[in-house]
Amino acid sequence: MLSYLLRDLYGALRFGPVGAAVGLAAFVGLKIWNGERSRKGKMAVPAAPAVGFCVCAAIILAMTLGSRESGGSGSLDLELFSSFGINDRNNAYVVENVLLFLPFGFFGAWNFKRLRNFFACAGTGLLTSLGIETLQYLTRRGIFQIDDILTNGCGMALGWLVFVVWNRLAKSMRSKG
């Protein structure tokens, strides 16, 4: 399974330029928007969480929709846990689906106060994944799999957990320093 994971993660690097381009555009747009906000006496929107969230969203969309040609299977797999434990390839896909949404959960919680609630963050991951799976099915760019929705939601929840731990550590460090 590890060889599949490493090969697929290496292959995912091809989406780096998409993420970088979206990140740069988001940063420039945010600088302009923050300039307007500052002229009106409003606080600036922090760049790191906003740009990180945009980069994650762009990479997720590029990987799940933009990297596949239409006209594929367009089939449905509504059996829960049908892809778990079958073989190393499928197990790698399960782990990859969790990893795909983990940074999205982290940056989502960092960027949006509403997503600092566990259920809001995990629910956003589930709904986002449902939307992607539906688009994959409608455009015939993949298989609509209920397991993907579950594992993406778990990745979002895990990203939320990483944010919570990171945020508490940062607050602890600031109070000591």
Protein backbone atom coordinates (compact mmCIF):
# COMPACT_ATOMS: atom_id res chain seq x y z
CA MET A 1 0.00 0.00 0.00
CA LEU A 2 2.84 2.39 0.81
CA SER A 3 4.22 2.15 -2.72
CA TYR A 4 0.81 3.14 -4.13
CA LEU A 5 0.57 6.05 -1.69
CA LEU A 6 4.04 7.34 -2.50
CA ARG A 7 3.52 7.01 -6.25
CA ASP A 8 0.15 8.79 -6.10
CA LEU A 9 1.44 11.55 -3.80
CA TYR A 10 4.36 12.09 -6.17
CA GLY A 11 1.89 12.25 -9.07
CA ALA A 12 -0.18 14.83 -7.18
CA LEU A 13 2.75 17.25 -7.40
CA ARG A 14 1.64 18.02 -10.96
CA PHE A 15 -1.20 20.04 -9.42
CA GLY A 16 1.27 22.32 -7.63
CA PRO A 17 1.32 24.92 -10.43
CA VAL A 18 -2.49 25.15 -10.31
CA GLY A 19 -2.33 25.72 -6.56
CA ALA A 20 0.47 28.26 -6.95
CA ALA A 21 -1.39 30.22 -9.63
CA VAL A 22 -4.61 30.31 -7.59
CA GLY A 23 -2.64 31.19 -4.46
CA LEU A 24 -0.94 34.09 -6.22
CA ALA A 25 -4.24 35.35 -7.65
CA ALA A 26 -5.90 35.04 -4.22
CA PHE A 27 -3.01 36.89 -2.57
CA VAL A 28 -3.11 39.77 -5.08
CA GLY A 29 -6.91 39.97 -4.87
CA LEU A 30 -6.76 39.96 -1.08
CA LYS A 31 -4.11 42.70 -1.05
CA ILE A 32 -6.38 44.88 -3.20
CA TRP A 33 -9.44 44.06 -1.09
CA ASN A 34 -7.56 44.69 2.17
CA GLY A 35 -6.39 48.05 0.78
CA GLU A 36 -10.03 49.01 0.26
CA ARG A 37 -10.97 47.73 3.71
CA SER A 38 -8.18 49.74 5.33
CA ARG A 39 -9.35 52.94 3.58
CA LYS A 40 -12.78 52.35 5.13
CA GLY A 41 -11.24 51.79 8.57
CA LYS A 42 -11.93 48.03 8.59
CA MET A 43 -9.51 45.34 9.71
CA ALA A 44 -7.57 43.45 7.09
CA VAL A 45 -8.43 39.84 6.31
CA PRO A 46 -5.41 37.66 7.23
CA ALA A 47 -3.70 36.43 4.06
CA ALA A 48 -2.30 33.05 5.13
CA PRO A 49 -5.57 31.28 6.00
CA ALA A 50 -7.49 32.80 3.07
CA VAL A 51 -4.82 32.00 0.49
CA GLY A 52 -4.29 28.52 1.96
CA PHE A 53 -8.00 27.79 1.73
CA CYS A 54 -8.14 28.94 -1.90
CA VAL A 55 -5.09 26.84 -2.81
CA CYS A 56 -6.63 23.74 -1.18
CA ALA A 57 -9.95 24.26 -2.95
CA ALA A 58 -8.23 24.71 -6.32
CA ILE A 59 -6.10 21.59 -5.92
CA ILE A 60 -9.08 19.52 -4.81
CA LEU A 61 -11.11 20.64 -7.84
CA ALA A 62 -8.19 20.14 -10.22
CA MET A 63 -7.51 16.64 -8.90
CA THR A 64 -11.10 15.44 -8.72
CA LEU A 65 -12.64 17.09 -11.78
CA GLY A 66 -10.03 18.73 -13.96
CA SER A 67 -7.62 15.83 -14.23
CA ARG A 68 -10.07 13.36 -15.74
CA GLU A 69 -11.59 13.25 -19.18
CA SER A 70 -15.35 13.19 -19.48
CA GLY A 71 -17.00 10.11 -20.88
CA GLY A 72 -15.69 7.78 -18.19
CA SER A 73 -17.75 5.30 -16.27
CA GLY A 74 -20.21 7.69 -14.63
CA SER A 75 -21.38 4.87 -12.39
CA LEU A 76 -22.66 4.78 -8.82
CA ASP A 77 -21.26 2.89 -5.85
CA LEU A 78 -23.66 3.42 -2.96
CA GLU A 79 -22.44 0.52 -0.83
CA LEU A 80 -20.85 1.85 2.35
CA PHE A 81 -17.30 0.55 2.99
CA SER A 82 -17.20 -1.18 -0.41
CA SER A 83 -13.69 0.13 -1.09
CA PHE A 84 -12.22 -0.62 2.34
CA GLY A 85 -9.83 -3.53 2.81
CA ILE A 86 -10.22 -5.03 -0.68
CA ASN A 87 -6.60 -4.65 -1.73
CA ASP A 88 -3.62 -2.36 -1.28
CA ARG A 89 -4.65 -0.14 -4.22
CA ASN A 90 -8.11 0.55 -2.74
CA ASN A 91 -6.67 1.02 0.75
CA ALA A 92 -4.30 3.63 -0.68
CA TYR A 93 -7.28 5.43 -2.26
CA VAL A 94 -9.01 5.51 1.13
CA VAL A 95 -5.95 7.10 2.78
CA GLU A 96 -5.51 9.52 -0.14
CA ASN A 97 -9.12 10.69 0.13
CA VAL A 98 -8.57 11.49 3.81
CA LEU A 99 -5.29 13.28 3.05
CA LEU A 100 -6.88 15.28 0.21
CA PHE A 101 -9.34 17.01 2.53
CA LEU A 102 -7.13 17.28 5.64
CA PRO A 103 -5.53 20.63 4.64
CA PHE A 104 -8.95 21.87 3.47
CA GLY A 105 -10.28 21.24 6.99
CA PHE A 106 -7.28 22.93 8.58
CA PHE A 107 -7.44 26.06 6.42
CA GLY A 108 -11.23 26.09 6.53
CA ALA A 109 -11.22 26.23 10.33
CA TRP A 110 -8.41 28.79 10.33
CA ASN A 111 -10.10 31.01 7.76
CA PHE A 112 -13.77 30.80 8.77
CA LYS A 113 -14.85 31.13 12.40
CA ARG A 114 -18.01 29.15 11.64
CA LEU A 115 -15.87 26.16 10.66
CA ARG A 116 -14.19 26.12 14.06
CA ASN A 117 -17.18 24.06 15.15
CA PHE A 118 -16.46 20.37 14.56
CA PHE A 119 -19.86 19.58 13.07
CA ALA A 120 -19.82 22.62 10.79
CA CYS A 121 -16.35 21.73 9.50
CA ALA A 122 -17.05 18.02 9.01
CA GLY A 123 -20.44 18.82 7.48
CA THR A 124 -18.81 21.24 5.06
CA GLY A 125 -16.41 18.48 4.04
CA LEU A 126 -19.27 16.04 3.51
CA LEU A 127 -21.28 18.54 1.46
CA THR A 128 -18.26 19.60 -0.59
CA SER A 129 -17.44 15.98 -1.31
CA LEU A 130 -21.07 15.24 -2.17
CA GLY A 131 -20.96 18.09 -4.67
CA ILE A 132 -17.74 16.81 -6.22
CA GLU A 133 -19.02 13.24 -6.42
CA THR A 134 -22.25 14.46 -8.02
CA LEU A 135 -20.31 16.49 -10.59
CA GLN A 136 -18.07 13.50 -11.30
CA TYR A 137 -21.14 11.39 -11.92
CA LEU A 138 -22.95 13.97 -14.07
CA THR A 139 -19.88 14.77 -16.17
CA ARG A 140 -18.81 11.12 -16.28
CA ARG A 141 -15.41 12.05 -14.85
CA GLY A 142 -15.41 9.39 -12.19
CA ILE A 143 -17.44 7.06 -10.07
CA PHE A 144 -19.86 8.45 -7.49
CA GLN A 145 -18.70 6.60 -4.38
CA ILE A 146 -20.31 6.97 -1.00
CA ASP A 147 -16.97 5.89 0.52
CA ASP A 148 -15.27 8.93 -1.02
CA ILE A 149 -17.79 11.22 0.68
CA LEU A 150 -17.15 9.49 4.01
CA THR A 151 -13.35 9.55 3.73
CA ASN A 152 -13.28 13.17 2.50
CA GLY A 153 -15.49 14.15 5.45
CA CYS A 154 -13.10 12.31 7.78
CA GLY A 155 -10.19 14.20 6.23
CA MET A 156 -11.97 17.50 6.81
CA ALA A 157 -12.65 16.51 10.44
CA LEU A 158 -9.04 15.47 10.91
CA GLY A 159 -7.92 18.81 9.46
CA TRP A 160 -10.20 20.53 11.98
CA LEU A 161 -8.54 18.53 14.78
CA VAL A 162 -5.07 19.51 13.57
CA PHE A 163 -6.19 23.16 13.54
CA VAL A 164 -7.55 22.93 17.09
CA VAL A 165 -4.31 21.41 18.40
CA TRP A 166 -2.19 23.91 16.44
CA ASN A 167 -4.32 26.84 17.63
CA ARG A 168 -4.09 25.79 21.27
CA LEU A 169 -0.34 25.32 21.03
CA ALA A 170 0.02 28.75 19.41
CA LYS A 171 -2.08 30.39 22.15
CA SER A 172 -0.04 28.60 24.81
CA MET A 173 3.21 29.78 23.26
CA ARG A 174 1.96 33.39 23.01
CA SER A 175 0.87 33.42 26.66
CA LYS A 176 4.28 32.13 27.80
CA GLY A 177 6.25 34.53 25.60
